[in-house]
Amino acid sequence: MNFLKINGAHGEGGGQIVRSAITLSCITNQPIHLENIRKNRKNEGLRPQHLAAIKILQKISNAKVIGDKLGSTELKFIPGEIKKLELIEDVKTAGSISLILQVLIPTVSISKKKLSLIIKGGTDVMWSPTMNYTNYVLKEAYSKMGIRFEIEITKRGYFPKGQGEIKLEVYPSEIKSIKLSKRKKQKLQLKCSFSKIPIQIIEEKIEQIRKEIQKHDFEIEIEIKEEEASDSGSSVLIYSIEENSIIGIDGLFNKKTQNFDLNMKEIFDNSFGIDKNMADMLVVPASLSSGKTKFEVHNITKHLETNLFVTSKITGCKYGIGKISEGYEVIIEGISNTSIK
């Protein structure tokens, strides 16, 4: 069998390589052999959320998989035919549902299939997008590219128990390129979810955020919701959606500092059309679109650089990075057209 070998330690060497590789393996029907998975990380190899994504994708694509064990640094993934399915899955930890959806949504939608999924796990946990980011920011960006999905959050899941639950519907798509350039308006939306924390504390912290935002001459619309969860916790999302711009930042409530871990500068100092996390997430669908996807970013993160490299290796897409005033322009040309001009 003709496996495409991928070094999982390349660049930032994290789980993004695994997610992008198995997604593109399914869509392009290319068997892959991942080596050195998360080799330089404290807990090297596959973690529970990686295994959950692999096992669900295995069911969806009728794949053969070798090496799908906790801590494994090597994986062979041989995709089969992708099917329309209805599934119920449980990560059994606070492993991030959002990161699993980064695999499932593009795979199913770009392959022109449908998926109905109920999945339990972590909805708002460290080192991953919050479910609100996925539901409001990623959903908007993907919809511009033709990828459609719906999420219903039935229960929040925070660390350590997780036990959150969402219902997901993914629909067949016709993938297309997009262009995101500059944010024009000074209008933001804030969504905050919390559980088992006094509302007075949450309201006080959100009021501090509101004052900071208004100091920078932004308008802000705020929504605070108490939602059921097994553990105490809270998350906040601040975002802006315009015709040529989709920007979001999110963070969790830190119980030690009694504050939200949120880098507001990523909103205030970013006049471009995209945030640094979204830049990573657009690479896979952009590589398969017809035409050129263009976006501007403040800097080229290790995550983005790594994802561009891995994606181009699997799909054969071309990409270019050019310096512009105060940042960079990224061009990704989908595999239907192979020249960047």
C-alpha atoms as a PDB file:
ATOM      1  CA  MET A   1       0.000   0.000   0.000  1.00  0.00           C
ATOM      2  CA  ASN A   2       1.228   3.493  -0.901  1.00  0.00           C
ATOM      3  CA  PHE A   3       1.346   5.400   2.412  1.00  0.00           C
ATOM      4  CA  LEU A   4       2.182   9.088   2.551  1.00  0.00           C
ATOM      5  CA  LYS A   5       4.634   9.506   5.446  1.00  0.00           C
ATOM      6  CA  ILE A   6       4.220  12.544   7.682  1.00  0.00           C
ATOM      7  CA  ASN A   7       6.555  13.582  10.477  1.00  0.00           C
ATOM      8  CA  GLY A   8       4.337  14.455  13.447  1.00  0.00           C
ATOM      9  CA  ALA A   9       7.213  16.354  15.083  1.00  0.00           C
ATOM     10  CA  HIS A  10       7.408  18.888  12.238  1.00  0.00           C
ATOM     11  CA  GLY A  11       7.039  22.556  13.233  1.00  0.00           C
ATOM     12  CA  GLU A  12       4.976  22.967  16.386  1.00  0.00           C
ATOM     13  CA  GLY A  13       4.609  19.169  16.507  1.00  0.00           C
ATOM     14  CA  GLY A  14       1.208  19.063  18.209  1.00  0.00           C
ATOM     15  CA  GLY A  15      -2.228  17.600  17.707  1.00  0.00           C
ATOM     16  CA  GLN A  16      -3.028  19.898  14.770  1.00  0.00           C
ATOM     17  CA  ILE A  17      -0.859  17.727  12.512  1.00  0.00           C
ATOM     18  CA  VAL A  18      -2.879  14.649  13.512  1.00  0.00           C
ATOM     19  CA  ARG A  19      -6.208  16.402  12.976  1.00  0.00           C
ATOM     20  CA  SER A  20      -5.313  17.854   9.575  1.00  0.00           C
ATOM     21  CA  ALA A  21      -3.691  14.641   8.373  1.00  0.00           C
ATOM     22  CA  ILE A  22      -6.587  12.300   9.147  1.00  0.00           C
ATOM     23  CA  THR A  23      -9.128  14.818   7.827  1.00  0.00           C
ATOM     24  CA  LEU A  24      -7.343  15.154   4.500  1.00  0.00           C
ATOM     25  CA  SER A  25      -6.642  11.419   4.360  1.00  0.00           C
ATOM     26  CA  CYS A  26     -10.398  10.772   4.378  1.00  0.00           C
ATOM     27  CA  ILE A  27     -11.323  13.508   1.899  1.00  0.00           C
ATOM     28  CA  THR A  28      -8.558  12.676  -0.609  1.00  0.00           C
ATOM     29  CA  ASN A  29      -8.658   8.905   0.020  1.00  0.00           C
ATOM     30  CA  GLN A  30      -4.900   8.926   0.693  1.00  0.00           C
ATOM     31  CA  PRO A  31      -3.527   6.411   3.241  1.00  0.00           C
ATOM     32  CA  ILE A  32      -1.157   8.127   5.666  1.00  0.00           C
ATOM     33  CA  HIS A  33       1.576   7.009   8.047  1.00  0.00           C
ATOM     34  CA  LEU A  34       2.105   9.470  10.890  1.00  0.00           C
ATOM     35  CA  GLU A  35       5.368   9.158  12.832  1.00  0.00           C
ATOM     36  CA  ASN A  36       6.776  10.960  15.898  1.00  0.00           C
ATOM     37  CA  ILE A  37       3.302  12.094  17.016  1.00  0.00           C
ATOM     38  CA  ARG A  38       3.607  14.850  19.649  1.00  0.00           C
ATOM     39  CA  LYS A  39       7.131  13.542  20.252  1.00  0.00           C
ATOM     40  CA  ASN A  40       8.412  16.679  21.991  1.00  0.00           C
ATOM     41  CA  ARG A  41       5.409  17.172  24.279  1.00  0.00           C
ATOM     42  CA  LYS A  42       5.275  16.439  28.017  1.00  0.00           C
ATOM     43  CA  ASN A  43       2.717  13.658  27.442  1.00  0.00           C
ATOM     44  CA  GLU A  44       3.871  12.450  24.054  1.00  0.00           C
ATOM     45  CA  GLY A  45       1.737  10.531  21.599  1.00  0.00           C
ATOM     46  CA  LEU A  46      -2.016  10.396  21.083  1.00  0.00           C
ATOM     47  CA  ARG A  47      -4.275  11.829  23.826  1.00  0.00           C
ATOM     48  CA  PRO A  48      -7.954  10.949  24.493  1.00  0.00           C
ATOM     49  CA  GLN A  49      -9.400  13.674  22.240  1.00  0.00           C
ATOM     50  CA  HIS A  50      -7.133  12.578  19.360  1.00  0.00           C
ATOM     51  CA  LEU A  51      -8.249   8.966  19.809  1.00  0.00           C
ATOM     52  CA  ALA A  52     -11.897  10.012  19.960  1.00  0.00           C
ATOM     53  CA  ALA A  53     -11.554  11.902  16.660  1.00  0.00           C
ATOM     54  CA  ILE A  54      -9.709   8.980  15.045  1.00  0.00           C
ATOM     55  CA  LYS A  55     -12.281   6.404  16.203  1.00  0.00           C
ATOM     56  CA  ILE A  56     -15.288   8.475  15.080  1.00  0.00           C
ATOM     57  CA  LEU A  57     -13.632   9.180  11.735  1.00  0.00           C
ATOM     58  CA  GLN A  58     -12.873   5.468  11.405  1.00  0.00           C
ATOM     59  CA  LYS A  59     -16.603   4.732  11.701  1.00  0.00           C
ATOM     60  CA  ILE A  60     -17.584   7.484   9.292  1.00  0.00           C
ATOM     61  CA  SER A  61     -15.046   6.530   6.615  1.00  0.00           C
ATOM     62  CA  ASN A  62     -14.928   2.746   7.153  1.00  0.00           C
ATOM     63  CA  ALA A  63     -11.166   3.140   7.679  1.00  0.00           C
ATOM     64  CA  LYS A  64      -8.524   0.651   8.758  1.00  0.00           C
ATOM     65  CA  VAL A  65      -6.374   2.037  11.568  1.00  0.00           C
ATOM     66  CA  ILE A  66      -3.143   0.784  13.120  1.00  0.00           C
ATOM     67  CA  GLY A  67      -1.653   2.366  16.242  1.00  0.00           C
ATOM     68  CA  ASP A  68      -4.776   3.996  17.682  1.00  0.00           C
ATOM     69  CA  LYS A  69      -3.755   3.645  21.338  1.00  0.00           C
ATOM     70  CA  LEU A  70      -3.213   6.147  24.138  1.00  0.00           C
ATOM     71  CA  GLY A  71       0.361   7.430  23.978  1.00  0.00           C
ATOM     72  CA  SER A  72       1.049   5.958  20.544  1.00  0.00           C
ATOM     73  CA  THR A  73       3.575   8.000  18.540  1.00  0.00           C
ATOM     74  CA  GLU A  74       2.816   6.211  15.265  1.00  0.00           C
ATOM     75  CA  LEU A  75      -0.442   5.863  13.332  1.00  0.00           C
ATOM     76  CA  LYS A  76      -1.452   4.322  10.039  1.00  0.00           C
ATOM     77  CA  PHE A  77      -4.811   5.491   8.688  1.00  0.00           C
ATOM     78  CA  ILE A  78      -6.313   3.832   5.597  1.00  0.00           C
ATOM     79  CA  PRO A  79      -9.605   5.513   4.658  1.00  0.00           C
ATOM     80  CA  GLY A  80     -12.528   3.773   2.991  1.00  0.00           C
ATOM     81  CA  GLU A  81     -15.869   5.067   1.728  1.00  0.00           C
ATOM     82  CA  ILE A  82     -17.408   7.888   3.760  1.00  0.00           C
ATOM     83  CA  LYS A  83     -20.974   7.155   4.852  1.00  0.00           C
ATOM     84  CA  LYS A  84     -23.998   9.115   6.036  1.00  0.00           C
ATOM     85  CA  LEU A  85     -24.316   8.226   9.731  1.00  0.00           C
ATOM     86  CA  GLU A  86     -26.119   8.921  12.998  1.00  0.00           C
ATOM     87  CA  LEU A  87     -23.775   8.441  15.969  1.00  0.00           C
ATOM     88  CA  ILE A  88     -23.676   8.772  19.757  1.00  0.00           C
ATOM     89  CA  GLU A  89     -20.136   9.130  21.178  1.00  0.00           C
ATOM     90  CA  ASP A  90     -18.537   9.779  24.580  1.00  0.00           C
ATOM     91  CA  VAL A  91     -14.962  11.080  25.005  1.00  0.00           C
ATOM     92  CA  LYS A  92     -15.198   9.900  28.658  1.00  0.00           C
ATOM     93  CA  THR A  93     -12.903  12.740  29.792  1.00  0.00           C
ATOM     94  CA  ALA A  94     -12.912  16.541  29.573  1.00  0.00           C
ATOM     95  CA  GLY A  95     -11.189  16.138  26.185  1.00  0.00           C
ATOM     96  CA  SER A  96     -12.154  18.946  23.828  1.00  0.00           C
ATOM     97  CA  ILE A  97     -15.231  18.376  21.670  1.00  0.00           C
ATOM     98  CA  SER A  98     -14.310  21.480  19.635  1.00  0.00           C
ATOM     99  CA  LEU A  99     -11.023  19.941  18.493  1.00  0.00           C
ATOM    100  CA  ILE A 100     -12.830  16.743  17.484  1.00  0.00           C
ATOM    101  CA  LEU A 101     -15.303  18.793  15.440  1.00  0.00           C
ATOM    102  CA  GLN A 102     -12.384  20.379  13.560  1.00  0.00           C
ATOM    103  CA  VAL A 103     -11.862  16.899  12.098  1.00  0.00           C
ATOM    104  CA  LEU A 104     -15.450  15.752  11.598  1.00  0.00           C
ATOM    105  CA  ILE A 105     -17.102  18.840  10.123  1.00  0.00           C
ATOM    106  CA  PRO A 106     -14.831  19.423   7.100  1.00  0.00           C
ATOM    107  CA  THR A 107     -14.428  15.697   6.410  1.00  0.00           C
ATOM    108  CA  VAL A 108     -18.157  15.019   6.182  1.00  0.00           C
ATOM    109  CA  SER A 109     -19.237  18.280   4.586  1.00  0.00           C
ATOM    110  CA  ILE A 110     -16.536  18.504   1.895  1.00  0.00           C
ATOM    111  CA  SER A 111     -17.151  14.827   1.077  1.00  0.00           C
ATOM    112  CA  LYS A 112     -20.787  15.799   0.396  1.00  0.00           C
ATOM    113  CA  LYS A 113     -22.206  13.566   3.107  1.00  0.00           C
ATOM    114  CA  LYS A 114     -24.407  14.149   6.170  1.00  0.00           C
ATOM    115  CA  LEU A 115     -23.681  13.444   9.834  1.00  0.00           C
ATOM    116  CA  SER A 116     -25.919  13.517  12.914  1.00  0.00           C
ATOM    117  CA  LEU A 117     -23.854  13.243  16.093  1.00  0.00           C
ATOM    118  CA  ILE A 118     -24.485  13.430  19.829  1.00  0.00           C
ATOM    119  CA  ILE A 119     -21.149  13.668  21.630  1.00  0.00           C
ATOM    120  CA  LYS A 120     -20.164  14.022  25.305  1.00  0.00           C
ATOM    121  CA  GLY A 121     -16.927  15.525  26.632  1.00  0.00           C
ATOM    122  CA  GLY A 122     -15.418  18.949  27.310  1.00  0.00           C
ATOM    123  CA  THR A 123     -17.147  21.919  25.705  1.00  0.00           C
ATOM    124  CA  ASP A 124     -15.030  24.657  27.315  1.00  0.00           C
ATOM    125  CA  VAL A 125     -11.562  23.454  28.301  1.00  0.00           C
ATOM    126  CA  MET A 126      -7.954  24.649  28.155  1.00  0.00           C
ATOM    127  CA  TRP A 127      -5.855  24.600  24.969  1.00  0.00           C
ATOM    128  CA  SER A 128      -8.851  24.517  22.650  1.00  0.00           C
ATOM    129  CA  PRO A 129     -11.587  26.785  21.271  1.00  0.00           C
ATOM    130  CA  THR A 130     -14.669  27.169  23.449  1.00  0.00           C
ATOM    131  CA  MET A 131     -17.901  25.766  22.082  1.00  0.00           C
ATOM    132  CA  ASN A 132     -19.192  29.316  21.605  1.00  0.00           C
ATOM    133  CA  TYR A 133     -16.184  30.099  19.388  1.00  0.00           C
ATOM    134  CA  THR A 134     -16.993  27.028  17.297  1.00  0.00           C
ATOM    135  CA  ASN A 135     -20.703  27.822  17.201  1.00  0.00           C
ATOM    136  CA  TYR A 136     -20.474  31.528  16.352  1.00  0.00           C
ATOM    137  CA  VAL A 137     -17.066  32.316  14.848  1.00  0.00           C
ATOM    138  CA  LEU A 138     -15.955  29.114  13.090  1.00  0.00           C
ATOM    139  CA  LYS A 139     -19.509  28.477  11.900  1.00  0.00           C
ATOM    140  CA  GLU A 140     -19.638  31.893  10.238  1.00  0.00           C
ATOM    141  CA  ALA A 141     -16.254  31.456   8.547  1.00  0.00           C
ATOM    142  CA  TYR A 142     -17.104  27.957   7.349  1.00  0.00           C
ATOM    143  CA  SER A 143     -20.489  29.085   6.033  1.00  0.00           C
ATOM    144  CA  LYS A 144     -18.695  31.636   3.822  1.00  0.00           C
ATOM    145  CA  MET A 145     -16.738  28.687   2.395  1.00  0.00           C
ATOM    146  CA  GLY A 146     -19.919  26.673   1.783  1.00  0.00           C
ATOM    147  CA  ILE A 147     -19.560  24.381   4.828  1.00  0.00           C
ATOM    148  CA  ARG A 148     -22.793  24.170   6.816  1.00  0.00           C
ATOM    149  CA  PHE A 149     -23.317  22.742  10.284  1.00  0.00           C
ATOM    150  CA  GLU A 150     -25.613  23.274  13.273  1.00  0.00           C
ATOM    151  CA  ILE A 151     -24.747  22.830  16.953  1.00  0.00           C
ATOM    152  CA  GLU A 152     -27.104  22.559  19.914  1.00  0.00           C
ATOM    153  CA  ILE A 153     -25.338  22.739  23.287  1.00  0.00           C
ATOM    154  CA  THR A 154     -27.407  20.651  25.700  1.00  0.00           C
ATOM    155  CA  LYS A 155     -24.908  20.717  28.593  1.00  0.00           C
ATOM    156  CA  ARG A 156     -21.607  22.492  29.246  1.00  0.00           C
ATOM    157  CA  GLY A 157     -18.534  20.454  30.114  1.00  0.00           C
ATOM    158  CA  TYR A 158     -15.669  21.977  32.133  1.00  0.00           C
ATOM    159  CA  PHE A 159     -12.515  20.444  33.583  1.00  0.00           C
ATOM    160  CA  PRO A 160     -12.097  17.985  35.324  1.00  0.00           C
ATOM    161  CA  LYS A 161     -15.278  15.933  34.719  1.00  0.00           C
ATOM    162  CA  GLY A 162     -16.277  17.160  31.293  1.00  0.00           C
ATOM    163  CA  GLN A 163     -19.635  15.446  30.722  1.00  0.00           C
ATOM    164  CA  GLY A 164     -20.816  18.232  28.463  1.00  0.00           C
ATOM    165  CA  GLU A 165     -23.022  17.302  25.522  1.00  0.00           C
ATOM    166  CA  ILE A 166     -23.766  18.737  22.112  1.00  0.00           C
ATOM    167  CA  LYS A 167     -25.867  17.718  19.143  1.00  0.00           C
ATOM    168  CA  LEU A 168     -24.238  18.252  15.759  1.00  0.00           C
ATOM    169  CA  GLU A 169     -25.694  18.210  12.260  1.00  0.00           C
ATOM    170  CA  VAL A 170     -23.296  18.462   9.302  1.00  0.00           C
ATOM    171  CA  TYR A 171     -24.556  18.978   5.746  1.00  0.00           C
ATOM    172  CA  PRO A 172     -23.057  18.342   2.272  1.00  0.00           C
ATOM    173  CA  SER A 173     -21.207  21.321   0.814  1.00  0.00           C
ATOM    174  CA  GLU A 174     -19.773  22.834  -2.326  1.00  0.00           C
ATOM    175  CA  ILE A 175     -16.489  24.219  -1.065  1.00  0.00           C
ATOM    176  CA  LYS A 176     -15.388  27.681  -2.241  1.00  0.00           C
ATOM    177  CA  SER A 177     -12.553  30.103  -1.587  1.00  0.00           C
ATOM    178  CA  ILE A 178     -12.940  33.299   0.449  1.00  0.00           C
ATOM    179  CA  LYS A 179     -11.148  36.608   0.935  1.00  0.00           C
ATOM    180  CA  LEU A 180     -10.903  38.241   4.363  1.00  0.00           C
ATOM    181  CA  SER A 181      -9.050  41.539   4.569  1.00  0.00           C
ATOM    182  CA  LYS A 182      -9.860  44.347   7.032  1.00  0.00           C
ATOM    183  CA  ARG A 183     -12.216  44.933   9.947  1.00  0.00           C
ATOM    184  CA  LYS A 184     -14.063  48.223   9.390  1.00  0.00           C
ATOM    185  CA  LYS A 185     -16.420  48.670  12.343  1.00  0.00           C
ATOM    186  CA  GLN A 186     -15.785  49.112  16.068  1.00  0.00           C
ATOM    187  CA  LYS A 187     -18.635  46.806  17.115  1.00  0.00           C
ATOM    188  CA  LEU A 188     -18.229  43.666  19.214  1.00  0.00           C
ATOM    189  CA  GLN A 189     -20.438  40.979  20.717  1.00  0.00           C
ATOM    190  CA  LEU A 190     -19.743  39.189  24.002  1.00  0.00           C
ATOM    191  CA  LYS A 191     -21.238  35.870  25.054  1.00  0.00           C
ATOM    192  CA  CYS A 192     -20.580  34.436  28.511  1.00  0.00           C
ATOM    193  CA  SER A 193     -21.695  31.050  29.845  1.00  0.00           C
ATOM    194  CA  PHE A 194     -21.277  30.027  33.495  1.00  0.00           C
ATOM    195  CA  SER A 195     -22.173  27.283  35.958  1.00  0.00           C
ATOM    196  CA  LYS A 196     -21.918  26.985  39.757  1.00  0.00           C
ATOM    197  CA  ILE A 197     -20.176  30.360  40.158  1.00  0.00           C
ATOM    198  CA  PRO A 198     -22.044  33.241  41.874  1.00  0.00           C
ATOM    199  CA  ILE A 199     -23.584  35.434  39.199  1.00  0.00           C
ATOM    200  CA  GLN A 200     -22.353  38.548  41.050  1.00  0.00           C
ATOM    201  CA  ILE A 201     -18.740  37.487  40.398  1.00  0.00           C
ATOM    202  CA  ILE A 202     -19.400  36.836  36.709  1.00  0.00           C
ATOM    203  CA  GLU A 203     -21.261  40.115  36.241  1.00  0.00           C
ATOM    204  CA  GLU A 204     -18.481  42.039  37.994  1.00  0.00           C
ATOM    205  CA  LYS A 205     -15.795  40.539  35.724  1.00  0.00           C
ATOM    206  CA  ILE A 206     -17.853  41.097  32.568  1.00  0.00           C
ATOM    207  CA  GLU A 207     -18.428  44.713  33.616  1.00  0.00           C
ATOM    208  CA  GLN A 208     -14.653  45.171  33.905  1.00  0.00           C
ATOM    209  CA  ILE A 209     -14.262  43.771  30.387  1.00  0.00           C
ATOM    210  CA  ARG A 210     -17.006  46.098  29.109  1.00  0.00           C
ATOM    211  CA  LYS A 211     -15.258  49.161  30.544  1.00  0.00           C
ATOM    212  CA  GLU A 212     -11.940  48.124  29.011  1.00  0.00           C
ATOM    213  CA  ILE A 213     -13.599  47.635  25.619  1.00  0.00           C
ATOM    214  CA  GLN A 214     -15.317  51.013  25.742  1.00  0.00           C
ATOM    215  CA  LYS A 215     -12.018  52.693  26.646  1.00  0.00           C
ATOM    216  CA  HIS A 216     -10.801  51.564  23.239  1.00  0.00           C
ATOM    217  CA  ASP A 217     -13.847  53.138  21.537  1.00  0.00           C
ATOM    218  CA  PHE A 218     -15.653  49.887  20.736  1.00  0.00           C
ATOM    219  CA  GLU A 219     -19.381  49.299  21.079  1.00  0.00           C
ATOM    220  CA  ILE A 220     -20.265  46.027  22.830  1.00  0.00           C
ATOM    221  CA  GLU A 221     -23.403  43.885  23.030  1.00  0.00           C
ATOM    222  CA  ILE A 222     -23.378  41.491  26.011  1.00  0.00           C
ATOM    223  CA  GLU A 223     -25.184  38.219  26.740  1.00  0.00           C
ATOM    224  CA  ILE A 224     -24.636  36.271  29.996  1.00  0.00           C
ATOM    225  CA  LYS A 225     -26.254  32.837  30.422  1.00  0.00           C
ATOM    226  CA  GLU A 226     -26.212  30.368  33.288  1.00  0.00           C
ATOM    227  CA  GLU A 227     -26.054  26.879  31.768  1.00  0.00           C
ATOM    228  CA  GLU A 228     -26.000  23.456  33.402  1.00  0.00           C
ATOM    229  CA  ALA A 229     -22.641  21.695  33.881  1.00  0.00           C
ATOM    230  CA  SER A 230     -21.236  18.986  36.176  1.00  0.00           C
ATOM    231  CA  ASP A 231     -18.345  21.225  37.321  1.00  0.00           C
ATOM    232  CA  SER A 232     -18.150  24.912  38.112  1.00  0.00           C
ATOM    233  CA  GLY A 233     -16.766  26.988  35.279  1.00  0.00           C
ATOM    234  CA  SER A 234     -17.285  29.832  32.859  1.00  0.00           C
ATOM    235  CA  SER A 235     -16.178  30.904  29.406  1.00  0.00           C
ATOM    236  CA  VAL A 236     -16.342  34.173  27.510  1.00  0.00           C
ATOM    237  CA  LEU A 237     -16.260  34.882  23.775  1.00  0.00           C
ATOM    238  CA  ILE A 238     -15.746  38.326  22.228  1.00  0.00           C
ATOM    239  CA  TYR A 239     -16.206  38.502  18.492  1.00  0.00           C
ATOM    240  CA  SER A 240     -16.876  40.649  15.452  1.00  0.00           C
ATOM    241  CA  ILE A 241     -18.403  39.489  12.163  1.00  0.00           C
ATOM    242  CA  GLU A 242     -18.436  41.651   9.037  1.00  0.00           C
ATOM    243  CA  GLU A 243     -18.548  41.013   5.290  1.00  0.00           C
ATOM    244  CA  ASN A 244     -14.734  40.864   4.964  1.00  0.00           C
ATOM    245  CA  SER A 245     -13.750  40.119   8.556  1.00  0.00           C
ATOM    246  CA  ILE A 246     -14.330  37.404  11.171  1.00  0.00           C
ATOM    247  CA  ILE A 247     -12.454  37.871  14.442  1.00  0.00           C
ATOM    248  CA  GLY A 248     -12.939  36.201  17.818  1.00  0.00           C
ATOM    249  CA  ILE A 249     -11.097  35.710  21.084  1.00  0.00           C
ATOM    250  CA  ASP A 250     -12.195  33.474  23.933  1.00  0.00           C
ATOM    251  CA  GLY A 251     -11.069  32.479  27.393  1.00  0.00           C
ATOM    252  CA  LEU A 252     -11.956  30.512  30.513  1.00  0.00           C
ATOM    253  CA  PHE A 253     -12.614  31.704  34.041  1.00  0.00           C
ATOM    254  CA  ASN A 254      -9.503  31.116  36.157  1.00  0.00           C
ATOM    255  CA  LYS A 255     -10.632  30.007  39.609  1.00  0.00           C
ATOM    256  CA  LYS A 256      -7.258  30.857  41.179  1.00  0.00           C
ATOM    257  CA  THR A 257      -7.081  34.450  39.925  1.00  0.00           C
ATOM    258  CA  GLN A 258     -10.891  34.872  39.838  1.00  0.00           C
ATOM    259  CA  ASN A 259     -10.529  36.412  36.372  1.00  0.00           C
ATOM    260  CA  PHE A 260     -11.047  35.424  32.764  1.00  0.00           C
ATOM    261  CA  ASP A 261      -7.859  34.400  30.961  1.00  0.00           C
ATOM    262  CA  LEU A 262      -8.371  36.673  27.990  1.00  0.00           C
ATOM    263  CA  ASN A 263      -5.884  38.596  25.846  1.00  0.00           C
ATOM    264  CA  MET A 264      -7.858  41.695  24.888  1.00  0.00           C
ATOM    265  CA  LYS A 265      -4.994  43.044  22.773  1.00  0.00           C
ATOM    266  CA  GLU A 266      -5.821  40.390  20.196  1.00  0.00           C
ATOM    267  CA  ILE A 267      -9.042  42.308  19.511  1.00  0.00           C
ATOM    268  CA  PHE A 268      -7.830  45.883  20.058  1.00  0.00           C
ATOM    269  CA  ASP A 269      -4.623  45.540  18.019  1.00  0.00           C
ATOM    270  CA  ASN A 270      -6.074  43.468  15.183  1.00  0.00           C
ATOM    271  CA  SER A 271      -7.558  45.455  12.314  1.00  0.00           C
ATOM    272  CA  PHE A 272      -7.145  42.530   9.922  1.00  0.00           C
ATOM    273  CA  GLY A 273      -9.906  40.216   8.746  1.00  0.00           C
ATOM    274  CA  ILE A 274      -9.117  37.163  10.814  1.00  0.00           C
ATOM    275  CA  ASP A 275      -7.808  36.064  14.219  1.00  0.00           C
ATOM    276  CA  LYS A 276      -4.749  33.828  14.654  1.00  0.00           C
ATOM    277  CA  ASN A 277      -6.763  30.715  15.603  1.00  0.00           C
ATOM    278  CA  MET A 278      -9.154  31.028  12.680  1.00  0.00           C
ATOM    279  CA  ALA A 279      -6.159  31.259  10.324  1.00  0.00           C
ATOM    280  CA  ASP A 280      -5.250  27.666  11.272  1.00  0.00           C
ATOM    281  CA  MET A 281      -8.792  26.394  10.831  1.00  0.00           C
ATOM    282  CA  LEU A 282      -9.249  27.733   7.283  1.00  0.00           C
ATOM    283  CA  VAL A 283      -6.183  26.000   5.843  1.00  0.00           C
ATOM    284  CA  VAL A 284      -7.735  22.547   5.277  1.00  0.00           C
ATOM    285  CA  PRO A 285     -10.913  23.663   3.454  1.00  0.00           C
ATOM    286  CA  ALA A 286      -8.990  26.360   1.559  1.00  0.00           C
ATOM    287  CA  SER A 287      -6.596  23.721   0.215  1.00  0.00           C
ATOM    288  CA  LEU A 288      -9.526  21.877  -1.395  1.00  0.00           C
ATOM    289  CA  SER A 289     -11.469  24.843  -2.751  1.00  0.00           C
ATOM    290  CA  SER A 290     -11.673  26.091  -6.314  1.00  0.00           C
ATOM    291  CA  GLY A 291      -9.684  29.300  -6.422  1.00  0.00           C
ATOM    292  CA  LYS A 292      -7.547  31.331  -4.056  1.00  0.00           C
ATOM    293  CA  THR A 293      -8.340  31.954  -0.414  1.00  0.00           C
ATOM    294  CA  LYS A 294      -6.687  35.131   0.848  1.00  0.00           C
ATOM    295  CA  PHE A 295      -6.469  36.499   4.374  1.00  0.00           C
ATOM    296  CA  GLU A 296      -4.291  38.913   6.313  1.00  0.00           C
ATOM    297  CA  VAL A 297      -2.810  38.270   9.755  1.00  0.00           C
ATOM    298  CA  HIS A 298      -0.562  40.099  12.219  1.00  0.00           C
ATOM    299  CA  ASN A 299       1.965  37.275  12.353  1.00  0.00           C
ATOM    300  CA  ILE A 300       2.557  33.762  11.047  1.00  0.00           C
ATOM    301  CA  THR A 301       2.225  31.452  14.049  1.00  0.00           C
ATOM    302  CA  LYS A 302       3.993  28.092  14.320  1.00  0.00           C
ATOM    303  CA  HIS A 303       0.551  26.456  14.185  1.00  0.00           C
ATOM    304  CA  LEU A 304      -0.295  28.171  10.890  1.00  0.00           C
ATOM    305  CA  GLU A 305       3.112  27.472   9.366  1.00  0.00           C
ATOM    306  CA  THR A 306       2.901  23.792  10.337  1.00  0.00           C
ATOM    307  CA  ASN A 307      -0.640  23.379   9.050  1.00  0.00           C
ATOM    308  CA  LEU A 308       0.227  24.988   5.708  1.00  0.00           C
ATOM    309  CA  PHE A 309       3.157  22.598   5.294  1.00  0.00           C
ATOM    310  CA  VAL A 310       1.232  19.419   6.196  1.00  0.00           C
ATOM    311  CA  THR A 311      -1.820  20.361   4.147  1.00  0.00           C
ATOM    312  CA  SER A 312       0.210  21.188   1.051  1.00  0.00           C
ATOM    313  CA  LYS A 313       2.087  17.888   1.379  1.00  0.00           C
ATOM    314  CA  ILE A 314      -1.145  15.859   1.376  1.00  0.00           C
ATOM    315  CA  THR A 315      -3.282  17.806  -1.114  1.00  0.00           C
ATOM    316  CA  GLY A 316      -0.611  19.282  -3.391  1.00  0.00           C
ATOM    317  CA  CYS A 317      -2.142  22.744  -2.927  1.00  0.00           C
ATOM    318  CA  LYS A 318       0.168  25.740  -3.203  1.00  0.00           C
ATOM    319  CA  TYR A 319       0.434  28.589  -0.766  1.00  0.00           C
ATOM    320  CA  GLY A 320       2.261  31.878  -0.493  1.00  0.00           C
ATOM    321  CA  ILE A 321       3.051  34.263   2.349  1.00  0.00           C
ATOM    322  CA  GLY A 322       3.799  37.921   1.627  1.00  0.00           C
ATOM    323  CA  LYS A 323       4.807  40.780   3.925  1.00  0.00           C
ATOM    324  CA  ILE A 324       2.391  43.699   4.050  1.00  0.00           C
ATOM    325  CA  SER A 325       2.157  46.766   6.265  1.00  0.00           C
ATOM    326  CA  GLU A 326       1.938  45.604   9.922  1.00  0.00           C
ATOM    327  CA  GLY A 327       1.438  41.966   9.003  1.00  0.00           C
ATOM    328  CA  TYR A 328       1.278  39.253   6.342  1.00  0.00           C
ATOM    329  CA  GLU A 329      -0.982  38.171   3.520  1.00  0.00           C
ATOM    330  CA  VAL A 330      -1.569  34.435   3.155  1.00  0.00           C
ATOM    331  CA  ILE A 331      -2.721  32.968  -0.175  1.00  0.00           C
ATOM    332  CA  ILE A 332      -3.848  29.343  -0.413  1.00  0.00           C
ATOM    333  CA  GLU A 333      -4.703  28.009  -3.851  1.00  0.00           C
ATOM    334  CA  GLY A 334      -7.013  25.019  -3.877  1.00  0.00           C
ATOM    335  CA  ILE A 335      -6.050  21.889  -5.782  1.00  0.00           C
ATOM    336  CA  SER A 336      -8.393  22.689  -8.675  1.00  0.00           C
ATOM    337  CA  ASN A 337      -5.956  25.439  -9.712  1.00  0.00           C
ATOM    338  CA  THR A 338      -2.270  24.954  -9.065  1.00  0.00           C
ATOM    339  CA  SER A 339      -0.537  28.248  -9.759  1.00  0.00           C
ATOM    340  CA  ILE A 340      -0.148  31.171  -7.389  1.00  0.00           C
ATOM    341  CA  LYS A 341       0.361  34.459  -9.167  1.00  0.00           C
END
